[in-house]
Protein backbone atom coordinates (compact mmCIF):
# COMPACT_ATOMS: atom_id res chain seq x y z
CA MET A 1 33.79 -106.18 113.24
CA THR A 2 32.97 -105.86 116.80
CA SER A 3 29.89 -108.43 117.94
CA THR A 4 27.84 -105.25 119.16
CA ALA A 5 28.58 -103.69 115.52
CA ARG A 6 27.44 -107.23 113.89
CA ALA A 7 24.19 -107.64 116.24
CA ALA A 8 23.25 -103.55 115.41
CA LEU A 9 23.73 -104.58 111.75
CA VAL A 10 21.15 -107.55 111.75
CA ALA A 11 18.72 -105.21 113.37
CA ALA A 12 19.27 -102.46 111.19
CA VAL A 13 18.05 -104.82 108.22
CA THR A 14 15.79 -106.74 109.60
CA VAL A 15 13.94 -103.56 110.72
CA ALA A 16 14.20 -102.31 107.39
CA ALA A 17 13.05 -104.96 105.53
CA ASP A 18 10.60 -105.80 107.74
CA GLN A 19 8.84 -102.02 107.38
CA ALA A 20 9.39 -102.07 104.11
CA VAL A 21 7.82 -105.22 103.30
CA LYS A 22 4.60 -103.98 105.60
CA ALA A 23 4.61 -100.69 104.07
CA LEU A 24 4.24 -102.48 100.46
CA VAL A 25 1.62 -104.63 101.49
CA ARG A 26 -0.45 -101.87 103.10
CA ALA A 27 0.04 -99.84 99.48
CA THR A 28 -0.92 -102.34 97.52
CA ILE A 29 -3.18 -105.35 99.26
CA ASP A 30 -6.75 -103.36 100.75
CA GLN A 31 -6.92 -104.55 104.46
CA GLY A 32 -8.77 -107.65 104.76
CA ASP A 33 -8.04 -108.88 101.08
CA ALA A 34 -6.02 -111.55 100.10
CA VAL A 35 -3.72 -112.57 96.92
CA HIS A 36 -3.55 -116.04 96.53
CA LEU A 37 0.25 -117.48 95.01
CA PHE A 38 0.35 -121.48 95.57
CA LEU A 39 -0.40 -124.43 97.33
CA GLY A 40 -2.77 -122.35 99.64
CA ILE A 41 -0.68 -120.28 100.71
CA ARG A 42 -1.46 -115.88 100.48
CA LEU A 43 -0.51 -112.57 101.17
CA VAL A 44 -3.21 -110.81 102.97
CA ASN A 45 -3.25 -107.46 104.84
CA VAL A 46 -4.98 -108.08 108.49
CA ARG A 47 -4.05 -106.22 111.42
CA ASN A 48 -3.16 -107.98 114.96
CA ARG A 49 -4.02 -106.21 118.34
CA GLY A 50 -2.66 -109.10 120.07
CA ILE A 51 0.66 -110.84 120.34
CA ALA A 52 1.33 -113.88 118.54
CA PHE A 53 -1.55 -115.30 117.27
CA GLY A 54 -3.58 -112.58 118.11
CA LEU A 55 -3.94 -113.14 122.05
CA ALA A 56 -4.31 -110.44 124.51
CA SER A 57 -5.75 -108.38 121.82
CA GLY A 58 -6.76 -105.11 123.03
CA GLY A 59 -4.11 -105.06 125.12
CA GLY A 60 -2.92 -101.64 124.12
CA VAL A 61 -0.12 -99.46 126.09
CA LEU A 62 0.67 -102.81 128.27
CA LEU A 63 1.67 -105.13 125.13
CA VAL A 64 3.96 -101.64 123.97
CA ILE A 65 5.25 -101.87 127.94
CA PHE A 66 6.02 -105.89 127.43
CA ALA A 67 7.78 -105.53 124.11
CA ALA A 68 9.96 -102.41 125.56
CA ALA A 69 10.67 -104.45 128.55
CA ALA A 70 11.89 -107.52 126.73
CA LEU A 71 13.56 -105.86 124.47
CA VAL A 72 15.56 -104.15 127.71
CA ALA A 73 16.01 -107.43 128.87
CA LEU A 74 17.41 -108.85 125.38
CA LEU A 75 20.04 -105.74 125.74
CA ILE A 76 20.68 -106.94 128.79
CA PHE A 77 21.58 -110.17 128.18
CA PHE A 78 23.04 -109.64 124.74
CA ALA A 79 25.74 -107.32 127.04
CA ARG A 80 26.41 -109.62 129.21
CA HIS A 81 27.47 -112.35 126.85
CA ARG A 82 28.44 -110.82 123.83
CA ALA A 83 31.62 -112.60 124.02
CA ARG A 84 30.05 -116.15 123.28
CA PRO A 85 30.87 -116.86 119.48
CA LEU A 86 27.73 -116.14 117.26
CA VAL A 87 25.67 -114.89 119.74
CA TRP A 88 25.43 -111.43 117.75
CA LEU A 89 23.29 -113.06 115.17
CA PRO A 90 20.03 -114.13 117.34
CA THR A 91 20.40 -110.83 119.20
CA GLY A 92 20.18 -108.93 115.94
CA LEU A 93 16.78 -110.97 114.66
CA LEU A 94 15.51 -111.22 117.72
CA ILE A 95 16.14 -107.26 118.91
CA GLY A 96 15.20 -106.40 115.18
CA GLY A 97 12.02 -108.21 114.88
CA ALA A 98 10.70 -107.05 118.26
CA ALA A 99 11.14 -103.40 116.57
CA GLY A 100 9.71 -104.20 113.64
CA ASN A 101 6.22 -105.49 115.46
CA LEU A 102 7.23 -102.34 118.36
CA ILE A 103 6.96 -99.48 115.43
CA ASP A 104 3.96 -100.83 113.91
CA ARG A 105 2.00 -100.89 117.50
CA VAL A 106 3.67 -97.72 118.26
CA ARG A 107 2.40 -96.22 115.07
CA ASP A 108 -0.63 -97.89 113.86
CA HIS A 109 -1.77 -100.16 117.43
CA SER A 110 -1.91 -103.02 115.68
CA VAL A 111 1.01 -105.43 113.56
CA THR A 112 0.57 -105.62 109.80
CA ASP A 113 0.79 -109.40 108.87
CA PHE A 114 0.87 -110.26 105.72
CA ILE A 115 2.02 -114.19 105.17
CA ASP A 116 -0.70 -116.40 105.13
CA LEU A 117 0.00 -120.38 105.70
CA PRO A 118 -3.08 -122.83 105.64
CA ALA A 119 -4.28 -123.66 109.11
CA TRP A 120 -1.96 -121.38 110.51
CA PRO A 121 -2.37 -117.48 111.50
CA ALA A 122 -0.99 -114.55 109.55
CA PHE A 123 3.09 -113.58 110.44
CA ASN A 124 5.22 -111.22 109.06
CA LEU A 125 9.16 -110.79 108.50
CA ALA A 126 9.59 -109.51 112.29
CA ASP A 127 7.60 -112.81 113.33
CA MET A 128 10.36 -114.80 111.21
CA ALA A 129 13.00 -113.10 112.45
CA ILE A 130 12.04 -113.70 116.17
CA THR A 131 11.29 -117.51 115.17
CA PHE A 132 14.58 -117.90 113.71
CA GLY A 133 16.43 -115.76 116.83
CA VAL A 134 15.09 -118.07 119.00
CA LEU A 135 16.06 -121.21 117.33
CA SER A 136 19.61 -119.94 117.00
CA LEU A 137 19.71 -118.59 120.34
CA LEU A 138 18.83 -122.08 121.80
CA TYR A 139 21.33 -123.34 119.57
CA VAL A 140 24.30 -120.51 120.28
CA LEU A 141 23.83 -121.58 123.96
CA GLU A 142 23.32 -125.21 123.92
CA GLY A 143 26.38 -125.28 121.23
CA PRO A 144 26.51 -128.13 117.79
CA PRO A 145 25.86 -131.50 119.05
CA ARG A 146 28.09 -133.11 120.41
CA HIS A 147 29.37 -137.01 119.54
CA GLY A 148 30.73 -139.26 122.27
CA ARG A 149 34.73 -139.57 122.17
CA ARG A 150 36.56 -142.73 120.68
């Protein structure tokens, strides 16, 4: 399987999982309500009209344009670096996460968030994919830690 096919598969699975869980949350938890799980962790049904942590709330069309531009930049980056080992994984996670939240923005003018940790803003699977995508991209670009030669 080519690195492009791998990235596309990771992105597709990420979008599908994100959208399926968000639909389940919207169908089973009333907006604004919460289900307590354990240790202060809750499932909630909240809408984020901004970007991370609700910043730039009310950005509307500008947020959609920014997200679409970020996706295009990521695709260009991938096209230039697809021969690099494992770059398909962070690329797929980042594209899938960005696309999952972009679908929400276009459809609902907000993003559905549902994981609520103590002392942390609510987030969703797409946000997790973006976070792990950035961390794994740093690893791929910097490589594994190198130890001094003996």
